[in-house]
Amino acid sequence: MTQAAVKRPAGKAIPDLSNEATRAELTPAAIDGFLRLSTIWRLTAKQSIILLGEGSERTWFRIKAGEWEHPLSQDSLTRVSALVGVYKGLHLLFSDPLADEWVRRPNTGELFEGVTPLDYMLAGGIPAMIETRAFIDALRGGL
């Protein structure tokens, strides 16, 4: 589809992430949000690269320095959306210190089986990020 947005059945428009111009428009805010998140969650460069899904350490340092001039991929924008949703949901559930540390704490729940949510998302990629976000939404009484 070549439109800038796709209509959902409920009539809400969602961005068409297959459109490069749409991705270019969304990239600065996504990068800003991810940079803040990586600082709050104390992510290493390697962890940041894996979660963002964009290239090498060199690419990551260019992004951090504000020298990245390319639109993020559809996958990377999806990753950032899921991670920001996890962050937001945690802050609706817990106090700031606990919300910011939650991803680093081992979790014995069925989804995480004793690993930290961060390790779960690093290993599982987009599906694990979406599952983690759905888990947080469910804790909030959402989905």
N, C-alpha and C. Protein backbone atom coordinates (compact mmCIF):
# COMPACT_ATOMS: atom_id res chain seq x y z
N MET A 1 0.85 -1.17 0.00
CA MET A 1 0.00 0.00 0.00
C MET A 1 0.89 1.24 0.00
N THR A 2 0.61 2.22 -0.80
CA THR A 2 1.47 3.39 -0.92
C THR A 2 0.97 4.59 -0.14
N GLN A 3 -0.12 4.44 0.57
CA GLN A 3 -0.64 5.55 1.36
C GLN A 3 0.28 5.79 2.55
N ALA A 4 0.23 7.00 3.13
CA ALA A 4 1.02 7.33 4.30
C ALA A 4 0.43 6.70 5.56
N ALA A 5 -0.80 6.27 5.51
CA ALA A 5 -1.43 5.65 6.67
C ALA A 5 -2.41 4.58 6.20
N VAL A 6 -2.61 3.61 7.04
CA VAL A 6 -3.53 2.51 6.77
C VAL A 6 -4.68 2.64 7.75
N LYS A 7 -5.92 2.41 7.29
CA LYS A 7 -7.08 2.51 8.17
C LYS A 7 -7.31 1.19 8.89
N ARG A 8 -7.53 1.27 10.17
CA ARG A 8 -7.92 0.11 10.95
C ARG A 8 -9.43 0.00 10.87
N PRO A 9 -9.97 -1.16 11.20
CA PRO A 9 -11.43 -1.28 11.20
C PRO A 9 -12.13 -0.25 12.07
N ALA A 10 -11.51 0.15 13.18
CA ALA A 10 -12.13 1.13 14.07
C ALA A 10 -11.99 2.55 13.53
N GLY A 11 -11.35 2.70 12.36
CA GLY A 11 -11.23 4.02 11.75
C GLY A 11 -9.98 4.79 12.15
N LYS A 12 -9.16 4.22 13.05
CA LYS A 12 -7.94 4.90 13.45
C LYS A 12 -6.85 4.65 12.41
N ALA A 13 -6.18 5.71 12.02
CA ALA A 13 -5.09 5.57 11.05
C ALA A 13 -3.82 5.15 11.77
N ILE A 14 -3.08 4.23 11.16
CA ILE A 14 -1.77 3.86 11.67
C ILE A 14 -0.75 4.21 10.59
N PRO A 15 0.46 4.56 10.99
CA PRO A 15 1.45 4.94 9.98
C PRO A 15 1.80 3.76 9.08
N ASP A 16 2.03 4.06 7.82
CA ASP A 16 2.45 3.05 6.85
C ASP A 16 3.98 2.97 6.91
N LEU A 17 4.48 2.02 7.70
CA LEU A 17 5.92 1.93 7.90
C LEU A 17 6.66 1.35 6.70
N SER A 18 5.93 0.92 5.68
CA SER A 18 6.60 0.49 4.45
C SER A 18 6.98 1.71 3.60
N ASN A 19 6.44 2.87 3.94
CA ASN A 19 6.70 4.11 3.22
C ASN A 19 7.94 4.79 3.82
N GLU A 20 8.98 4.97 3.01
CA GLU A 20 10.23 5.54 3.51
C GLU A 20 10.04 6.96 4.07
N ALA A 21 9.19 7.76 3.45
CA ALA A 21 8.96 9.12 3.93
C ALA A 21 8.31 9.09 5.32
N THR A 22 7.41 8.16 5.55
CA THR A 22 6.79 8.02 6.87
C THR A 22 7.83 7.61 7.89
N ARG A 23 8.68 6.65 7.53
CA ARG A 23 9.73 6.21 8.45
C ARG A 23 10.70 7.35 8.75
N ALA A 24 11.03 8.14 7.73
CA ALA A 24 11.94 9.27 7.93
C ALA A 24 11.33 10.29 8.88
N GLU A 25 10.03 10.48 8.79
CA GLU A 25 9.34 11.42 9.67
C GLU A 25 9.32 10.92 11.12
N LEU A 26 9.17 9.63 11.30
CA LEU A 26 9.08 9.05 12.64
C LEU A 26 10.43 8.78 13.30
N THR A 27 11.48 8.69 12.49
CA THR A 27 12.80 8.30 12.99
C THR A 27 13.35 9.22 14.08
N PRO A 28 13.34 10.55 13.94
CA PRO A 28 13.94 11.37 15.00
C PRO A 28 13.30 11.14 16.38
N ALA A 29 11.99 11.07 16.45
CA ALA A 29 11.34 10.83 17.74
C ALA A 29 11.65 9.44 18.26
N ALA A 30 11.69 8.46 17.36
CA ALA A 30 12.00 7.09 17.77
C ALA A 30 13.42 7.00 18.32
N ILE A 31 14.36 7.63 17.65
CA ILE A 31 15.74 7.62 18.12
C ILE A 31 15.86 8.32 19.45
N ASP A 32 15.22 9.47 19.59
CA ASP A 32 15.26 10.20 20.86
C ASP A 32 14.70 9.34 21.99
N GLY A 33 13.56 8.71 21.75
CA GLY A 33 12.97 7.86 22.77
C GLY A 33 13.85 6.67 23.11
N PHE A 34 14.44 6.05 22.09
CA PHE A 34 15.29 4.90 22.35
C PHE A 34 16.57 5.30 23.08
N LEU A 35 17.15 6.44 22.74
CA LEU A 35 18.34 6.90 23.45
C LEU A 35 18.04 7.14 24.92
N ARG A 36 16.92 7.73 25.21
CA ARG A 36 16.53 7.95 26.62
C ARG A 36 16.32 6.62 27.33
N LEU A 37 15.64 5.72 26.65
CA LEU A 37 15.38 4.40 27.22
C LEU A 37 16.69 3.65 27.48
N SER A 38 17.62 3.71 26.54
CA SER A 38 18.89 3.00 26.71
C SER A 38 19.68 3.55 27.90
N THR A 39 19.55 4.84 28.16
CA THR A 39 20.20 5.44 29.33
C THR A 39 19.51 5.00 30.62
N ILE A 40 18.19 5.08 30.65
CA ILE A 40 17.43 4.71 31.85
C ILE A 40 17.64 3.24 32.20
N TRP A 41 17.63 2.38 31.19
CA TRP A 41 17.80 0.94 31.43
C TRP A 41 19.27 0.54 31.51
N ARG A 42 20.20 1.51 31.37
CA ARG A 42 21.64 1.28 31.45
C ARG A 42 22.09 0.19 30.46
N LEU A 43 21.66 0.32 29.23
CA LEU A 43 22.01 -0.66 28.20
C LEU A 43 23.44 -0.44 27.73
N THR A 44 24.13 -1.54 27.48
CA THR A 44 25.44 -1.45 26.85
C THR A 44 25.23 -1.16 25.36
N ALA A 45 26.32 -0.83 24.69
CA ALA A 45 26.23 -0.60 23.24
C ALA A 45 25.72 -1.87 22.55
N LYS A 46 26.24 -3.02 22.95
CA LYS A 46 25.83 -4.28 22.33
C LYS A 46 24.34 -4.55 22.56
N GLN A 47 23.87 -4.33 23.78
CA GLN A 47 22.45 -4.53 24.08
C GLN A 47 21.59 -3.57 23.27
N SER A 48 22.04 -2.33 23.16
CA SER A 48 21.29 -1.32 22.40
C SER A 48 21.17 -1.72 20.94
N ILE A 49 22.26 -2.18 20.36
CA ILE A 49 22.27 -2.60 18.96
C ILE A 49 21.29 -3.75 18.74
N ILE A 50 21.34 -4.72 19.65
CA ILE A 50 20.47 -5.90 19.51
C ILE A 50 19.01 -5.48 19.63
N LEU A 51 18.68 -4.67 20.63
CA LEU A 51 17.28 -4.27 20.81
C LEU A 51 16.79 -3.39 19.67
N LEU A 52 17.62 -2.46 19.22
CA LEU A 52 17.21 -1.57 18.14
C LEU A 52 17.21 -2.28 16.79
N GLY A 53 18.10 -3.23 16.63
CA GLY A 53 18.15 -3.99 15.38
C GLY A 53 18.77 -3.22 14.23
N GLU A 54 19.63 -2.27 14.53
CA GLU A 54 20.27 -1.47 13.48
C GLU A 54 21.78 -1.62 13.52
N GLY A 55 22.31 -2.51 12.73
CA GLY A 55 23.72 -2.58 12.40
C GLY A 55 24.72 -2.87 13.49
N SER A 56 25.81 -2.14 13.45
CA SER A 56 27.00 -2.40 14.23
C SER A 56 27.18 -1.39 15.35
N GLU A 57 28.24 -1.59 16.13
CA GLU A 57 28.57 -0.61 17.17
C GLU A 57 28.85 0.76 16.55
N ARG A 58 29.48 0.77 15.40
CA ARG A 58 29.76 2.04 14.73
C ARG A 58 28.44 2.78 14.43
N THR A 59 27.46 2.04 13.94
CA THR A 59 26.15 2.63 13.67
C THR A 59 25.56 3.18 14.96
N TRP A 60 25.65 2.39 16.04
CA TRP A 60 25.09 2.83 17.32
C TRP A 60 25.75 4.13 17.79
N PHE A 61 27.06 4.22 17.69
CA PHE A 61 27.74 5.43 18.13
C PHE A 61 27.41 6.62 17.23
N ARG A 62 27.17 6.37 15.95
CA ARG A 62 26.72 7.44 15.06
C ARG A 62 25.32 7.91 15.46
N ILE A 63 24.45 6.98 15.81
CA ILE A 63 23.10 7.33 16.26
C ILE A 63 23.19 8.16 17.53
N LYS A 64 23.99 7.71 18.48
CA LYS A 64 24.14 8.44 19.75
C LYS A 64 24.71 9.84 19.54
N ALA A 65 25.59 9.99 18.58
CA ALA A 65 26.23 11.29 18.32
C ALA A 65 25.36 12.20 17.46
N GLY A 66 24.20 11.72 17.04
CA GLY A 66 23.33 12.53 16.19
C GLY A 66 23.80 12.59 14.75
N GLU A 67 24.62 11.64 14.35
CA GLU A 67 25.18 11.62 12.99
C GLU A 67 24.49 10.60 12.08
N TRP A 68 23.39 10.06 12.51
CA TRP A 68 22.64 9.07 11.73
C TRP A 68 21.60 9.82 10.93
N GLU A 69 21.68 9.73 9.62
CA GLU A 69 20.78 10.50 8.77
C GLU A 69 19.86 9.62 7.94
N HIS A 70 19.72 8.37 8.31
CA HIS A 70 18.89 7.44 7.56
C HIS A 70 17.61 7.15 8.33
N PRO A 71 16.53 6.86 7.63
CA PRO A 71 15.33 6.44 8.35
C PRO A 71 15.54 5.07 8.96
N LEU A 72 15.00 4.87 10.14
CA LEU A 72 15.05 3.54 10.74
C LEU A 72 14.21 2.60 9.90
N SER A 73 14.52 1.34 9.98
CA SER A 73 13.76 0.33 9.25
C SER A 73 12.39 0.13 9.91
N GLN A 74 11.52 -0.51 9.19
CA GLN A 74 10.20 -0.85 9.73
C GLN A 74 10.36 -1.70 11.00
N ASP A 75 11.28 -2.65 10.95
CA ASP A 75 11.53 -3.50 12.12
C ASP A 75 12.01 -2.68 13.31
N SER A 76 12.94 -1.76 13.08
CA SER A 76 13.47 -0.96 14.18
C SER A 76 12.40 -0.06 14.79
N LEU A 77 11.56 0.52 13.96
CA LEU A 77 10.47 1.34 14.49
C LEU A 77 9.49 0.49 15.30
N THR A 78 9.25 -0.74 14.87
CA THR A 78 8.38 -1.65 15.61
C THR A 78 9.02 -1.99 16.95
N ARG A 79 10.32 -2.23 16.95
CA ARG A 79 11.05 -2.53 18.18
C ARG A 79 10.94 -1.37 19.17
N VAL A 80 11.20 -0.16 18.69
CA VAL A 80 11.14 1.01 19.56
C VAL A 80 9.73 1.18 20.12
N SER A 81 8.74 1.00 19.30
CA SER A 81 7.35 1.11 19.76
C SER A 81 7.06 0.12 20.88
N ALA A 82 7.47 -1.12 20.70
CA ALA A 82 7.24 -2.14 21.73
C ALA A 82 7.98 -1.79 23.02
N LEU A 83 9.23 -1.36 22.90
CA LEU A 83 10.03 -1.05 24.09
C LEU A 83 9.51 0.18 24.83
N VAL A 84 9.09 1.19 24.09
CA VAL A 84 8.51 2.37 24.74
C VAL A 84 7.20 1.99 25.43
N GLY A 85 6.44 1.08 24.82
CA GLY A 85 5.23 0.59 25.45
C GLY A 85 5.52 -0.16 26.75
N VAL A 86 6.59 -0.94 26.76
CA VAL A 86 7.01 -1.62 28.00
C VAL A 86 7.36 -0.57 29.06
N TYR A 87 8.17 0.40 28.68
CA TYR A 87 8.58 1.46 29.61
C TYR A 87 7.36 2.20 30.18
N LYS A 88 6.48 2.62 29.30
CA LYS A 88 5.29 3.37 29.73
C LYS A 88 4.42 2.52 30.65
N GLY A 89 4.17 1.28 30.28
CA GLY A 89 3.36 0.40 31.11
C GLY A 89 3.96 0.18 32.48
N LEU A 90 5.28 0.00 32.54
CA LEU A 90 5.94 -0.18 33.83
C LEU A 90 5.77 1.04 34.72
N HIS A 91 5.84 2.22 34.11
CA HIS A 91 5.69 3.44 34.91
C HIS A 91 4.25 3.68 35.34
N LEU A 92 3.30 3.07 34.68
CA LEU A 92 1.92 3.14 35.13
C LEU A 92 1.67 2.15 36.28
N LEU A 93 2.47 1.10 36.34
CA LEU A 93 2.31 0.07 37.37
C LEU A 93 3.11 0.32 38.64
N PHE A 94 4.33 0.79 38.48
CA PHE A 94 5.27 0.84 39.60
C PHE A 94 5.82 2.24 39.82
N SER A 95 6.48 2.41 40.97
CA SER A 95 7.20 3.66 41.23
C SER A 95 8.37 3.74 40.24
N ASP A 96 8.87 4.95 40.03
CA ASP A 96 9.93 5.14 39.04
C ASP A 96 11.15 4.24 39.26
N PRO A 97 11.68 4.13 40.49
CA PRO A 97 12.86 3.27 40.64
C PRO A 97 12.59 1.80 40.27
N LEU A 98 11.47 1.26 40.70
CA LEU A 98 11.15 -0.12 40.37
C LEU A 98 10.85 -0.27 38.88
N ALA A 99 10.12 0.67 38.32
CA ALA A 99 9.80 0.61 36.89
C ALA A 99 11.08 0.60 36.05
N ASP A 100 12.06 1.41 36.44
CA ASP A 100 13.30 1.50 35.68
C ASP A 100 14.20 0.28 35.87
N GLU A 101 14.07 -0.42 36.98
CA GLU A 101 14.91 -1.59 37.25
C GLU A 101 14.24 -2.90 36.85
N TRP A 102 12.94 -2.91 36.63
CA TRP A 102 12.18 -4.14 36.41
C TRP A 102 12.78 -5.00 35.31
N VAL A 103 13.22 -4.40 34.22
CA VAL A 103 13.74 -5.19 33.10
C VAL A 103 15.03 -5.93 33.45
N ARG A 104 15.71 -5.50 34.50
CA ARG A 104 16.99 -6.10 34.89
C ARG A 104 16.83 -7.13 36.02
N ARG A 105 15.64 -7.28 36.54
CA ARG A 105 15.41 -8.20 37.65
C ARG A 105 14.96 -9.56 37.13
N PRO A 106 15.57 -10.64 37.65
CA PRO A 106 15.10 -11.98 37.24
C PRO A 106 13.61 -12.12 37.54
N ASN A 107 12.89 -12.75 36.64
CA ASN A 107 11.45 -12.89 36.77
C ASN A 107 11.10 -14.36 36.68
N THR A 108 10.43 -14.85 37.72
CA THR A 108 10.10 -16.28 37.77
C THR A 108 8.77 -16.60 37.10
N GLY A 109 8.14 -15.61 36.52
CA GLY A 109 6.88 -15.84 35.83
C GLY A 109 7.04 -16.80 34.66
N GLU A 110 5.93 -17.37 34.24
CA GLU A 110 5.94 -18.37 33.17
C GLU A 110 6.58 -17.86 31.88
N LEU A 111 6.37 -16.59 31.57
CA LEU A 111 6.92 -16.03 30.34
C LEU A 111 8.45 -15.97 30.37
N PHE A 112 9.01 -15.57 31.51
CA PHE A 112 10.45 -15.31 31.59
C PHE A 112 11.25 -16.49 32.16
N GLU A 113 10.62 -17.36 32.90
CA GLU A 113 11.25 -18.58 33.44
C GLU A 113 12.58 -18.32 34.13
N GLY A 114 12.64 -17.27 34.95
CA GLY A 114 13.82 -17.01 35.76
C GLY A 114 14.84 -16.07 35.16
N VAL A 115 14.72 -15.73 33.88
CA VAL A 115 15.66 -14.77 33.30
C VAL A 115 15.09 -13.36 33.45
N THR A 116 15.92 -12.40 33.22
CA THR A 116 15.44 -11.02 33.27
C THR A 116 14.63 -10.73 32.01
N PRO A 117 13.64 -9.85 32.12
CA PRO A 117 12.92 -9.46 30.90
C PRO A 117 13.86 -8.89 29.83
N LEU A 118 14.91 -8.19 30.24
CA LEU A 118 15.87 -7.66 29.27
C LEU A 118 16.53 -8.80 28.51
N ASP A 119 17.02 -9.82 29.22
CA ASP A 119 17.64 -10.96 28.54
C ASP A 119 16.65 -11.69 27.64
N TYR A 120 15.41 -11.78 28.10
CA TYR A 120 14.37 -12.43 27.30
C TYR A 120 14.16 -11.67 25.99
N MET A 121 14.10 -10.34 26.06
CA MET A 121 13.90 -9.54 24.85
C MET A 121 15.13 -9.54 23.95
N LEU A 122 16.33 -9.55 24.55
CA LEU A 122 17.55 -9.61 23.76
C LEU A 122 17.61 -10.90 22.96
N ALA A 123 17.24 -12.00 23.58
CA ALA A 123 17.31 -13.30 22.92
C ALA A 123 16.17 -13.52 21.93
N GLY A 124 14.99 -12.99 22.25
CA GLY A 124 13.80 -13.30 21.46
C GLY A 124 13.41 -12.29 20.41
N GLY A 125 14.08 -11.14 20.37
CA GLY A 125 13.79 -10.14 19.34
C GLY A 125 12.38 -9.57 19.41
N ILE A 126 11.87 -9.20 18.26
CA ILE A 126 10.56 -8.54 18.19
C ILE A 126 9.45 -9.36 18.85
N PRO A 127 9.35 -10.66 18.60
CA PRO A 127 8.28 -11.41 19.26
C PRO A 127 8.35 -11.32 20.79
N ALA A 128 9.56 -11.39 21.35
CA ALA A 128 9.71 -11.31 22.80
C ALA A 128 9.39 -9.90 23.31
N MET A 129 9.72 -8.89 22.54
CA MET A 129 9.40 -7.52 22.93
C MET A 129 7.89 -7.32 22.97
N ILE A 130 7.21 -7.83 21.96
CA ILE A 130 5.76 -7.71 21.90
C ILE A 130 5.10 -8.52 23.01
N GLU A 131 5.62 -9.72 23.29
CA GLU A 131 5.08 -10.53 24.39
C GLU A 131 5.29 -9.83 25.73
N THR A 132 6.46 -9.22 25.92
CA THR A 132 6.74 -8.50 27.16
C THR A 132 5.80 -7.32 27.31
N ARG A 133 5.57 -6.60 26.23
CA ARG A 133 4.63 -5.48 26.29
C ARG A 133 3.22 -5.98 26.61
N ALA A 134 2.80 -7.07 25.99
CA ALA A 134 1.48 -7.63 26.27
C ALA A 134 1.38 -8.10 27.72
N PHE A 135 2.44 -8.65 28.25
CA PHE A 135 2.49 -9.07 29.65
C PHE A 135 2.27 -7.88 30.57
N ILE A 136 2.98 -6.79 30.30
CA ILE A 136 2.83 -5.57 31.11
C ILE A 136 1.41 -5.02 30.97
N ASP A 137 0.90 -4.98 29.75
CA ASP A 137 -0.48 -4.51 29.54
C ASP A 137 -1.47 -5.36 30.31
N ALA A 138 -1.25 -6.68 30.33
CA ALA A 138 -2.14 -7.57 31.06
C ALA A 138 -2.07 -7.31 32.56
N LEU A 139 -0.87 -7.04 33.08
CA LEU A 139 -0.74 -6.71 34.50
C LEU A 139 -1.53 -5.45 34.85
N ARG A 140 -1.57 -4.53 33.90
CA ARG A 140 -2.30 -3.29 34.10
C ARG A 140 -3.80 -3.49 33.96
N GLY A 141 -4.21 -4.68 33.53
CA GLY A 141 -5.64 -4.91 33.34
C GLY A 141 -6.08 -4.57 31.95
N GLY A 142 -5.12 -4.37 31.05
CA GLY A 142 -5.43 -4.02 29.66
C GLY A 142 -5.83 -5.23 28.86
N LEU A 143 -4.97 -5.66 27.99
CA LEU A 143 -5.27 -6.74 27.05
C LEU A 143 -5.56 -8.05 27.72
